[in-house]
Amino acid sequence: MILTAEKMDIEKITLNYKIHKIIGQYTSALEHTFLWIVNADNTHIIQQFCIDSRIASFNSV
C-alpha cells in the first residue's frame, strides 16, 4: 500500500500539527522510502506526524 498525499486526507491530518505545507513529495514503494519536503514549525512536529499517520511504521522517512 502506497500512502501519498493524494490517498491520505493530508489536509485534515496536518491541521492537527503545525505543518503548513507539503512542498515536494517522492515515495518509493519498492524501497519503502518517503522523501517529503515540508514547511513546519519544527522537526519534532514532522516526526510526530510520521508516527501518527503510520508512515514511519513501515518506511524510512
N, C-alpha and C. Protein backbone atom coordinates (compact mmCIF):
# COMPACT_ATOMS: atom_id res chain seq x y z
N MET A 1 0.84 -1.19 0.00
CA MET A 1 0.00 0.00 0.00
C MET A 1 0.88 1.24 0.00
N ILE A 2 0.67 2.11 -0.94
CA ILE A 2 1.44 3.35 -1.03
C ILE A 2 0.60 4.48 -0.46
N LEU A 3 1.13 5.15 0.54
CA LEU A 3 0.45 6.32 1.10
C LEU A 3 1.05 7.57 0.47
N THR A 4 0.25 8.28 -0.24
CA THR A 4 0.68 9.55 -0.80
C THR A 4 -0.28 10.63 -0.33
N ALA A 5 0.09 11.87 -0.55
CA ALA A 5 -0.78 12.98 -0.14
C ALA A 5 -2.13 12.87 -0.82
N GLU A 6 -2.17 12.30 -2.02
CA GLU A 6 -3.43 12.17 -2.74
C GLU A 6 -4.33 11.11 -2.10
N LYS A 7 -3.73 10.04 -1.56
CA LYS A 7 -4.52 8.95 -1.00
C LYS A 7 -4.88 9.19 0.46
N MET A 8 -4.10 9.99 1.16
CA MET A 8 -4.40 10.31 2.55
C MET A 8 -5.16 11.63 2.58
N ASP A 9 -5.97 11.81 3.58
CA ASP A 9 -6.62 13.10 3.76
C ASP A 9 -5.61 14.01 4.45
N ILE A 10 -4.59 14.40 3.69
CA ILE A 10 -3.43 15.08 4.25
C ILE A 10 -3.79 16.42 4.89
N GLU A 11 -4.71 17.15 4.32
CA GLU A 11 -5.07 18.44 4.89
C GLU A 11 -5.71 18.28 6.26
N LYS A 12 -6.53 17.27 6.41
CA LYS A 12 -7.17 17.02 7.70
C LYS A 12 -6.12 16.61 8.74
N ILE A 13 -5.18 15.79 8.35
CA ILE A 13 -4.14 15.34 9.27
C ILE A 13 -3.23 16.49 9.68
N THR A 14 -2.81 17.30 8.73
CA THR A 14 -1.87 18.37 9.05
C THR A 14 -2.51 19.49 9.86
N LEU A 15 -3.84 19.56 9.91
CA LEU A 15 -4.49 20.56 10.76
C LEU A 15 -4.16 20.34 12.23
N ASN A 16 -3.89 19.09 12.61
CA ASN A 16 -3.55 18.76 13.99
C ASN A 16 -2.10 19.08 14.32
N TYR A 17 -1.32 19.47 13.34
CA TYR A 17 0.10 19.73 13.51
C TYR A 17 0.38 21.13 12.98
N LYS A 18 1.56 21.62 13.23
CA LYS A 18 1.95 22.93 12.69
C LYS A 18 2.75 22.72 11.40
N ILE A 19 2.20 21.86 10.54
CA ILE A 19 2.77 21.64 9.22
C ILE A 19 1.99 22.52 8.27
N HIS A 20 2.67 23.49 7.71
CA HIS A 20 1.98 24.50 6.92
C HIS A 20 1.76 24.08 5.47
N LYS A 21 2.72 23.34 4.92
CA LYS A 21 2.61 22.99 3.51
C LYS A 21 3.55 21.83 3.18
N ILE A 22 3.08 20.92 2.33
CA ILE A 22 3.95 19.91 1.74
C ILE A 22 4.41 20.48 0.41
N ILE A 23 5.70 20.78 0.33
CA ILE A 23 6.26 21.46 -0.84
C ILE A 23 6.59 20.47 -1.95
N GLY A 24 7.15 19.33 -1.58
CA GLY A 24 7.50 18.31 -2.57
C GLY A 24 7.34 16.94 -1.96
N GLN A 25 7.17 15.94 -2.83
CA GLN A 25 6.91 14.60 -2.34
C GLN A 25 7.47 13.57 -3.31
N TYR A 26 8.25 12.62 -2.78
CA TYR A 26 8.71 11.47 -3.54
C TYR A 26 8.51 10.24 -2.66
N THR A 27 7.89 9.23 -3.19
CA THR A 27 7.67 7.99 -2.46
C THR A 27 8.13 6.82 -3.32
N SER A 28 8.99 5.99 -2.76
CA SER A 28 9.45 4.79 -3.45
C SER A 28 8.84 3.58 -2.76
N ALA A 29 7.86 2.98 -3.40
CA ALA A 29 7.16 1.84 -2.81
C ALA A 29 8.09 0.63 -2.66
N LEU A 30 8.94 0.38 -3.64
CA LEU A 30 9.82 -0.78 -3.57
C LEU A 30 10.87 -0.65 -2.48
N GLU A 31 11.30 0.56 -2.20
CA GLU A 31 12.32 0.78 -1.18
C GLU A 31 11.72 1.19 0.17
N HIS A 32 10.41 1.33 0.23
CA HIS A 32 9.72 1.78 1.45
C HIS A 32 10.35 3.07 1.97
N THR A 33 10.45 4.04 1.09
CA THR A 33 11.10 5.31 1.43
C THR A 33 10.18 6.47 1.10
N PHE A 34 10.05 7.38 2.04
CA PHE A 34 9.30 8.62 1.85
C PHE A 34 10.29 9.77 1.93
N LEU A 35 10.30 10.61 0.92
CA LEU A 35 11.09 11.83 0.94
C LEU A 35 10.15 12.98 0.65
N TRP A 36 9.82 13.71 1.67
CA TRP A 36 8.90 14.84 1.54
C TRP A 36 9.60 16.10 2.00
N ILE A 37 9.36 17.19 1.34
CA ILE A 37 9.85 18.50 1.76
C ILE A 37 8.64 19.24 2.29
N VAL A 38 8.70 19.61 3.57
CA VAL A 38 7.56 20.25 4.22
C VAL A 38 7.99 21.54 4.90
N ASN A 39 7.02 22.42 5.05
CA ASN A 39 7.20 23.65 5.82
C ASN A 39 6.48 23.45 7.14
N ALA A 40 7.25 23.39 8.23
CA ALA A 40 6.67 23.15 9.55
C ALA A 40 7.42 23.98 10.58
N ASP A 41 6.82 24.10 11.76
CA ASP A 41 7.43 24.90 12.82
C ASP A 41 8.69 24.27 13.39
N ASN A 42 8.75 22.93 13.49
CA ASN A 42 9.97 22.28 13.95
C ASN A 42 9.98 20.81 13.54
N THR A 43 11.14 20.19 13.71
CA THR A 43 11.30 18.81 13.25
C THR A 43 10.53 17.81 14.10
N HIS A 44 10.31 18.11 15.34
CA HIS A 44 9.58 17.18 16.21
C HIS A 44 8.12 17.02 15.75
N ILE A 45 7.55 18.08 15.23
CA ILE A 45 6.19 18.01 14.70
C ILE A 45 6.14 17.08 13.49
N ILE A 46 7.13 17.18 12.64
CA ILE A 46 7.19 16.32 11.45
C ILE A 46 7.34 14.86 11.88
N GLN A 47 8.20 14.62 12.85
CA GLN A 47 8.40 13.26 13.36
C GLN A 47 7.10 12.70 13.94
N GLN A 48 6.40 13.48 14.73
CA GLN A 48 5.14 13.02 15.32
C GLN A 48 4.08 12.77 14.25
N PHE A 49 4.04 13.61 13.23
CA PHE A 49 3.12 13.41 12.10
C PHE A 49 3.39 12.06 11.43
N CYS A 50 4.67 11.74 11.19
CA CYS A 50 5.02 10.48 10.53
C CYS A 50 4.65 9.27 11.38
N ILE A 51 4.76 9.41 12.69
CA ILE A 51 4.38 8.32 13.60
C ILE A 51 2.86 8.18 13.63
N ASP A 52 2.15 9.28 13.83
CA ASP A 52 0.69 9.23 13.95
C ASP A 52 0.00 8.80 12.65
N SER A 53 0.56 9.17 11.51
CA SER A 53 -0.05 8.79 10.23
C SER A 53 0.37 7.38 9.80
N ARG A 54 1.21 6.75 10.59
CA ARG A 54 1.72 5.39 10.37
C ARG A 54 2.67 5.29 9.19
N ILE A 55 3.11 6.40 8.65
CA ILE A 55 4.10 6.37 7.58
C ILE A 55 5.40 5.75 8.09
N ALA A 56 5.80 6.11 9.30
CA ALA A 56 7.08 5.65 9.85
C ALA A 56 7.05 4.21 10.32
N SER A 57 5.89 3.59 10.37
CA SER A 57 5.82 2.22 10.88
C SER A 57 6.39 1.18 9.92
N PHE A 58 6.43 1.49 8.63
CA PHE A 58 6.94 0.51 7.67
C PHE A 58 7.77 1.15 6.56
N ASN A 59 8.21 2.38 6.77
CA ASN A 59 9.00 3.09 5.77
C ASN A 59 10.16 3.83 6.42
N SER A 60 11.15 4.15 5.61
CA SER A 60 12.20 5.09 6.02
C SER A 60 11.70 6.48 5.66
N VAL A 61 11.84 7.38 6.61
CA VAL A 61 11.32 8.73 6.39
C VAL A 61 12.45 9.71 6.56
